[in-house]
Amino acid sequence: MKYYIFVEKDGSVNGCGQCEQLTEGVKNIEVSVDVYNSFSEDSLRYVYSNGKIIPNPNYENDKQIFFIKERIDAIYKELDELDIKRIRAVCEDEVKDEKTGETWLDYYNSQVYDLRIELASLNAQL
């Protein structure tokens, strides 16, 4: 059985398979079963260079960047959800905590503030 890693015209790796991809412009690079299995588990481990699939020399850095970008996407989703809650809080204007007088809007704004600080920190790392 043959194992392939697929490479786009620009040199980016876009997947793997056990049969050749027939899409125009995609290179099918034959690899060993070990490389194929390792790539299947974590596609960041390998890159295309000089016509070959090689271990990614920047693997740790690329992996860290990947996780940072994933967290940034999650923060944007959380912010969207909080925006909906804040709109409702403005319209309903209810108190969340009678003892402190904190409103729901104050509560959601504090969550947004915390996420914005985390987002700025993550963007600074990129």
N, C-alpha and C. Protein backbone atom coordinates (compact mmCIF):
# COMPACT_ATOMS: atom_id res chain seq x y z
N MET A 1 0.85 -1.17 0.00
CA MET A 1 0.00 0.00 0.00
C MET A 1 0.90 1.24 0.00
N LYS A 2 0.47 2.27 -0.71
CA LYS A 2 1.22 3.52 -0.80
C LYS A 2 0.56 4.58 0.07
N TYR A 3 1.39 5.48 0.60
CA TYR A 3 0.91 6.56 1.46
C TYR A 3 1.41 7.88 0.89
N TYR A 4 0.51 8.87 0.87
CA TYR A 4 0.84 10.15 0.25
C TYR A 4 0.53 11.30 1.19
N ILE A 5 1.33 12.36 1.05
CA ILE A 5 1.01 13.65 1.65
C ILE A 5 0.83 14.61 0.49
N PHE A 6 -0.23 15.40 0.54
CA PHE A 6 -0.61 16.27 -0.57
C PHE A 6 -0.07 17.68 -0.35
N VAL A 7 0.52 18.23 -1.41
CA VAL A 7 1.15 19.55 -1.32
C VAL A 7 0.55 20.46 -2.40
N GLU A 8 0.14 21.66 -2.00
CA GLU A 8 -0.41 22.64 -2.93
C GLU A 8 0.70 23.29 -3.75
N LYS A 9 0.31 24.05 -4.77
CA LYS A 9 1.29 24.76 -5.63
C LYS A 9 2.20 25.67 -4.83
N ASP A 10 1.66 26.29 -3.78
CA ASP A 10 2.45 27.23 -2.98
C ASP A 10 3.36 26.55 -1.97
N GLY A 11 3.35 25.22 -1.95
CA GLY A 11 4.21 24.47 -1.04
C GLY A 11 3.57 24.12 0.28
N SER A 12 2.33 24.54 0.49
CA SER A 12 1.66 24.22 1.75
C SER A 12 1.10 22.80 1.70
N VAL A 13 1.21 22.12 2.80
CA VAL A 13 0.71 20.75 2.93
C VAL A 13 -0.77 20.82 3.26
N ASN A 14 -1.59 20.05 2.52
CA ASN A 14 -3.04 20.17 2.75
C ASN A 14 -3.72 18.87 3.15
N GLY A 15 -2.97 17.81 3.38
CA GLY A 15 -3.61 16.58 3.84
C GLY A 15 -2.81 15.35 3.45
N CYS A 16 -3.43 14.20 3.67
CA CYS A 16 -2.76 12.95 3.36
C CYS A 16 -3.80 11.91 2.97
N GLY A 17 -3.34 10.83 2.37
CA GLY A 17 -4.24 9.77 1.98
C GLY A 17 -3.49 8.55 1.47
N GLN A 18 -4.25 7.50 1.18
CA GLN A 18 -3.65 6.27 0.69
C GLN A 18 -3.84 6.11 -0.81
N CYS A 19 -4.34 7.13 -1.45
CA CYS A 19 -4.41 7.15 -2.91
C CYS A 19 -4.07 8.57 -3.37
N GLU A 20 -3.67 8.70 -4.60
CA GLU A 20 -3.25 10.00 -5.10
C GLU A 20 -4.45 10.94 -5.24
N GLN A 21 -4.20 12.20 -4.92
CA GLN A 21 -5.22 13.23 -5.10
C GLN A 21 -5.09 13.72 -6.54
N LEU A 22 -6.20 13.80 -7.26
CA LEU A 22 -6.17 14.13 -8.68
C LEU A 22 -6.43 15.60 -8.96
N THR A 23 -6.57 16.41 -7.94
CA THR A 23 -6.81 17.83 -8.12
C THR A 23 -5.63 18.47 -8.84
N GLU A 24 -5.95 19.30 -9.82
CA GLU A 24 -4.89 19.95 -10.60
C GLU A 24 -4.02 20.82 -9.71
N GLY A 25 -2.72 20.68 -9.90
CA GLY A 25 -1.77 21.49 -9.15
C GLY A 25 -1.34 20.90 -7.82
N VAL A 26 -1.94 19.80 -7.40
CA VAL A 26 -1.57 19.18 -6.13
C VAL A 26 -0.50 18.12 -6.38
N LYS A 27 0.57 18.19 -5.62
CA LYS A 27 1.63 17.19 -5.72
C LYS A 27 1.33 16.08 -4.72
N ASN A 28 1.52 14.85 -5.14
CA ASN A 28 1.35 13.69 -4.28
C ASN A 28 2.74 13.18 -3.92
N ILE A 29 3.16 13.41 -2.68
CA ILE A 29 4.48 13.01 -2.25
C ILE A 29 4.34 11.69 -1.48
N GLU A 30 4.97 10.64 -2.01
CA GLU A 30 4.90 9.34 -1.36
C GLU A 30 5.79 9.34 -0.13
N VAL A 31 5.25 8.80 0.98
CA VAL A 31 5.97 8.76 2.25
C VAL A 31 5.85 7.38 2.87
N SER A 32 6.66 7.14 3.88
CA SER A 32 6.60 5.85 4.60
C SER A 32 5.36 5.81 5.48
N VAL A 33 4.99 4.63 5.90
CA VAL A 33 3.83 4.48 6.76
C VAL A 33 4.04 5.20 8.09
N ASP A 34 5.27 5.22 8.60
CA ASP A 34 5.54 5.92 9.86
C ASP A 34 5.33 7.43 9.73
N VAL A 35 5.83 8.01 8.65
CA VAL A 35 5.64 9.44 8.41
C VAL A 35 4.15 9.73 8.21
N TYR A 36 3.48 8.86 7.45
CA TYR A 36 2.04 9.02 7.20
C TYR A 36 1.26 9.02 8.52
N ASN A 37 1.52 8.04 9.38
CA ASN A 37 0.81 7.93 10.65
C ASN A 37 1.12 9.12 11.56
N SER A 38 2.37 9.52 11.60
CA SER A 38 2.76 10.67 12.42
C SER A 38 2.09 11.94 11.90
N PHE A 39 2.07 12.12 10.58
CA PHE A 39 1.41 13.28 9.97
C PHE A 39 -0.08 13.27 10.25
N SER A 40 -0.70 12.09 10.20
CA SER A 40 -2.14 11.97 10.46
C SER A 40 -2.49 12.42 11.87
N GLU A 41 -1.59 12.14 12.82
CA GLU A 41 -1.83 12.53 14.21
C GLU A 41 -1.63 14.03 14.42
N ASP A 42 -0.63 14.61 13.75
CA ASP A 42 -0.31 16.03 13.93
C ASP A 42 0.34 16.55 12.65
N SER A 43 -0.43 17.24 11.84
CA SER A 43 0.04 17.69 10.52
C SER A 43 1.12 18.77 10.61
N LEU A 44 1.32 19.34 11.77
CA LEU A 44 2.35 20.36 11.91
C LEU A 44 3.76 19.76 12.02
N ARG A 45 3.85 18.45 12.20
CA ARG A 45 5.16 17.81 12.39
C ARG A 45 6.02 17.80 11.13
N TYR A 46 5.40 17.95 9.96
CA TYR A 46 6.14 17.84 8.70
C TYR A 46 5.85 19.03 7.80
N VAL A 47 6.83 19.37 6.96
CA VAL A 47 6.69 20.43 5.98
C VAL A 47 7.24 19.92 4.65
N TYR A 48 6.91 20.64 3.59
CA TYR A 48 7.41 20.33 2.26
C TYR A 48 8.58 21.25 1.96
N SER A 49 9.71 20.65 1.56
CA SER A 49 10.89 21.44 1.25
C SER A 49 11.73 20.69 0.22
N ASN A 50 12.11 21.39 -0.86
CA ASN A 50 12.97 20.82 -1.90
C ASN A 50 12.44 19.49 -2.44
N GLY A 51 11.14 19.41 -2.66
CA GLY A 51 10.54 18.22 -3.24
C GLY A 51 10.34 17.06 -2.29
N LYS A 52 10.57 17.29 -0.99
CA LYS A 52 10.45 16.21 -0.02
C LYS A 52 9.62 16.65 1.18
N ILE A 53 9.07 15.67 1.87
CA ILE A 53 8.41 15.90 3.14
C ILE A 53 9.46 15.67 4.21
N ILE A 54 9.71 16.69 5.03
CA ILE A 54 10.75 16.60 6.05
C ILE A 54 10.16 16.99 7.41
N PRO A 55 10.82 16.57 8.49
CA PRO A 55 10.37 17.03 9.82
C PRO A 55 10.42 18.55 9.89
N ASN A 56 9.41 19.13 10.49
CA ASN A 56 9.30 20.58 10.60
C ASN A 56 10.35 21.10 11.59
N PRO A 57 11.31 21.90 11.10
CA PRO A 57 12.33 22.42 12.01
C PRO A 57 11.77 23.45 12.99
N ASN A 58 10.61 24.01 12.69
CA ASN A 58 9.96 25.01 13.56
C ASN A 58 8.72 24.45 14.24
N TYR A 59 8.72 23.14 14.47
CA TYR A 59 7.53 22.47 14.98
C TYR A 59 6.99 23.09 16.28
N GLU A 60 7.84 23.26 17.27
CA GLU A 60 7.39 23.77 18.56
C GLU A 60 6.79 25.17 18.42
N ASN A 61 7.44 26.03 17.66
CA ASN A 61 6.95 27.38 17.44
C ASN A 61 5.62 27.37 16.67
N ASP A 62 5.54 26.55 15.62
CA ASP A 62 4.31 26.46 14.83
C ASP A 62 3.16 25.93 15.67
N LYS A 63 3.46 24.96 16.53
CA LYS A 63 2.42 24.39 17.39
C LYS A 63 1.91 25.44 18.37
N GLN A 64 2.82 26.22 18.95
CA GLN A 64 2.43 27.27 19.88
C GLN A 64 1.56 28.32 19.17
N ILE A 65 1.97 28.72 17.98
CA ILE A 65 1.19 29.68 17.20
C ILE A 65 -0.19 29.13 16.88
N PHE A 66 -0.26 27.84 16.54
CA PHE A 66 -1.54 27.20 16.25
C PHE A 66 -2.48 27.29 17.45
N PHE A 67 -1.97 26.96 18.65
CA PHE A 67 -2.81 27.01 19.84
C PHE A 67 -3.21 28.44 20.20
N ILE A 68 -2.32 29.39 19.98
CA ILE A 68 -2.65 30.80 20.23
C ILE A 68 -3.79 31.23 19.31
N LYS A 69 -3.69 30.89 18.03
CA LYS A 69 -4.74 31.26 17.07
C LYS A 69 -6.05 30.58 17.40
N GLU A 70 -6.00 29.33 17.86
CA GLU A 70 -7.21 28.63 18.28
C GLU A 70 -7.87 29.35 19.45
N ARG A 71 -7.07 29.78 20.43
CA ARG A 71 -7.61 30.48 21.58
C ARG A 71 -8.18 31.83 21.18
N ILE A 72 -7.53 32.52 20.26
CA ILE A 72 -8.04 33.80 19.78
C ILE A 72 -9.41 33.61 19.13
N ASP A 73 -9.56 32.57 18.32
CA ASP A 73 -10.86 32.28 17.70
C ASP A 73 -11.92 32.01 18.77
N ALA A 74 -11.55 31.25 19.80
CA ALA A 74 -12.49 30.95 20.88
C ALA A 74 -12.89 32.22 21.63
N ILE A 75 -11.94 33.11 21.83
CA ILE A 75 -12.25 34.37 22.52
C ILE A 75 -13.24 35.19 21.70
N TYR A 76 -13.04 35.27 20.39
CA TYR A 76 -13.98 36.02 19.56
C TYR A 76 -15.39 35.43 19.63
N LYS A 77 -15.49 34.11 19.70
CA LYS A 77 -16.81 33.48 19.84
C LYS A 77 -17.42 33.84 21.20
N GLU A 78 -16.61 33.80 22.25
CA GLU A 78 -17.10 34.17 23.57
C GLU A 78 -17.55 35.62 23.60
N LEU A 79 -16.79 36.49 22.95
CA LEU A 79 -17.17 37.92 22.91
C LEU A 79 -18.49 38.11 22.18
N ASP A 80 -18.71 37.37 21.09
CA ASP A 80 -19.99 37.46 20.37
C ASP A 80 -21.14 37.04 21.27
N GLU A 81 -20.95 35.96 22.02
CA GLU A 81 -22.00 35.50 22.94
C GLU A 81 -22.25 36.53 24.04
N LEU A 82 -21.18 37.11 24.54
CA LEU A 82 -21.34 38.13 25.59
C LEU A 82 -22.01 39.39 25.05
N ASP A 83 -21.76 39.74 23.81
CA ASP A 83 -22.43 40.91 23.22
C ASP A 83 -23.94 40.72 23.20
N ILE A 84 -24.38 39.52 22.88
CA ILE A 84 -25.82 39.23 22.88
C ILE A 84 -26.37 39.37 24.30
N LYS A 85 -25.64 38.85 25.27
CA LYS A 85 -26.08 38.95 26.67
C LYS A 85 -26.08 40.40 27.14
N ARG A 86 -25.09 41.19 26.68
CA ARG A 86 -25.04 42.59 27.09
C ARG A 86 -26.21 43.39 26.50
N ILE A 87 -26.60 43.07 25.28
CA ILE A 87 -27.75 43.74 24.67
C ILE A 87 -28.99 43.46 25.50
N ARG A 88 -29.16 42.21 25.88
CA ARG A 88 -30.31 41.86 26.72
C ARG A 88 -30.22 42.58 28.07
N ALA A 89 -29.02 42.65 28.63
CA ALA A 89 -28.86 43.31 29.93
C ALA A 89 -29.18 44.79 29.86
N VAL A 90 -28.86 45.44 28.73
CA VAL A 90 -29.20 46.85 28.57
C VAL A 90 -30.71 47.01 28.50
N CYS A 91 -31.37 46.13 27.77
CA CYS A 91 -32.82 46.23 27.60
C CYS A 91 -33.58 45.92 28.88
N GLU A 92 -33.12 44.94 29.64
CA GLU A 92 -33.85 44.50 30.82
C GLU A 92 -33.43 45.24 32.09
N ASP A 93 -32.19 45.72 32.13
CA ASP A 93 -31.68 46.53 33.23
C ASP A 93 -32.01 45.95 34.61
N GLU A 94 -31.61 44.70 34.84
CA GLU A 94 -31.86 44.05 36.12
C GLU A 94 -30.59 44.00 36.95
N VAL A 95 -30.78 43.93 38.25
CA VAL A 95 -29.66 43.82 39.18
C VAL A 95 -29.32 42.34 39.34
N LYS A 96 -28.05 42.03 39.22
CA LYS A 96 -27.59 40.65 39.37
C LYS A 96 -27.40 40.30 40.83
N ASP A 97 -26.78 41.21 41.57
CA ASP A 97 -26.45 40.98 42.97
C ASP A 97 -27.01 42.13 43.81
N GLU A 98 -28.00 41.82 44.59
CA GLU A 98 -28.66 42.85 45.41
C GLU A 98 -27.71 43.46 46.45
N LYS A 99 -26.79 42.66 46.97
CA LYS A 99 -25.88 43.14 48.02
C LYS A 99 -24.91 44.19 47.49
N THR A 100 -24.36 43.93 46.29
CA THR A 100 -23.35 44.85 45.74
C THR A 100 -23.97 45.86 44.78
N GLY A 101 -25.16 45.58 44.31
CA GLY A 101 -25.80 46.46 43.34
C GLY A 101 -25.30 46.24 41.91
N GLU A 102 -24.52 45.20 41.73
CA GLU A 102 -23.98 44.90 40.40
C GLU A 102 -25.11 44.48 39.46
N THR A 103 -25.13 45.11 38.29
CA THR A 103 -26.13 44.74 37.29
C THR A 103 -25.56 43.66 36.39
N TRP A 104 -26.44 43.06 35.61
CA TRP A 104 -25.98 42.06 34.65
C TRP A 104 -25.04 42.69 33.62
N LEU A 105 -25.34 43.93 33.25
CA LEU A 105 -24.47 44.61 32.29
C LEU A 105 -23.07 44.80 32.87
N ASP A 106 -22.98 45.19 34.11
CA ASP A 106 -21.67 45.32 34.77
C ASP A 106 -20.93 43.98 34.77
N TYR A 107 -21.66 42.93 35.10
CA TYR A 107 -21.08 41.59 35.16
C TYR A 107 -20.53 41.17 33.80
N TYR A 108 -21.34 41.33 32.76
CA TYR A 108 -20.89 40.94 31.41
C TYR A 108 -19.75 41.85 30.91
N ASN A 109 -19.81 43.13 31.26
CA ASN A 109 -18.74 44.03 30.86
C ASN A 109 -17.40 43.63 31.50
N SER A 110 -17.45 43.16 32.74
CA SER A 110 -16.21 42.73 33.39
C SER A 110 -15.65 41.48 32.71
N GLN A 111 -16.53 40.60 32.25
CA GLN A 111 -16.07 39.42 31.52
C GLN A 111 -15.45 39.82 30.18
N VAL A 112 -16.08 40.76 29.50
CA VAL A 112 -15.55 41.25 28.23
C VAL A 112 -14.18 41.89 28.45
N TYR A 113 -14.06 42.67 29.50
CA TYR A 113 -12.80 43.33 29.82
C TYR A 113 -11.68 42.30 30.00
N ASP A 114 -11.96 41.24 30.75
CA ASP A 114 -10.96 40.19 30.98
C ASP A 114 -10.56 39.50 29.68
N LEU A 115 -11.55 39.22 28.83
CA LEU A 115 -11.26 38.58 27.55
C LEU A 115 -10.45 39.49 26.64
N ARG A 116 -10.74 40.78 26.66
CA ARG A 116 -10.00 41.73 25.83
C ARG A 116 -8.53 41.81 26.28
N ILE A 117 -8.29 41.74 27.57
CA ILE A 117 -6.91 41.74 28.06
C ILE A 117 -6.19 40.48 27.59
N GLU A 118 -6.85 39.33 27.72
CA GLU A 118 -6.25 38.08 27.25
C GLU A 118 -6.00 38.13 25.74
N LEU A 119 -6.95 38.67 24.99
CA LEU A 119 -6.82 38.78 23.54
C LEU A 119 -5.62 39.65 23.15
N ALA A 120 -5.47 40.77 23.83
CA ALA A 120 -4.32 41.66 23.54
C ALA A 120 -3.01 40.95 23.84
N SER A 121 -2.97 40.19 24.91
CA SER A 121 -1.76 39.46 25.27
C SER A 121 -1.44 38.40 24.23
N LEU A 122 -2.44 37.69 23.76
CA LEU A 122 -2.22 36.65 22.75
C LEU A 122 -1.78 37.26 21.41
N ASN A 123 -2.41 38.35 21.03
CA ASN A 123 -2.03 39.01 19.78
C ASN A 123 -0.60 39.54 19.83
N ALA A 124 -0.16 39.94 21.01
CA ALA A 124 1.21 40.41 21.17
C ALA A 124 2.23 39.28 21.00
N GLN A 125 1.80 38.05 21.25
CA GLN A 125 2.69 36.89 21.12
C GLN A 125 2.86 36.44 19.69
N LEU A 126 1.97 36.89 18.81
CA LEU A 126 2.05 36.44 17.41
C LEU A 126 3.09 37.20 16.62
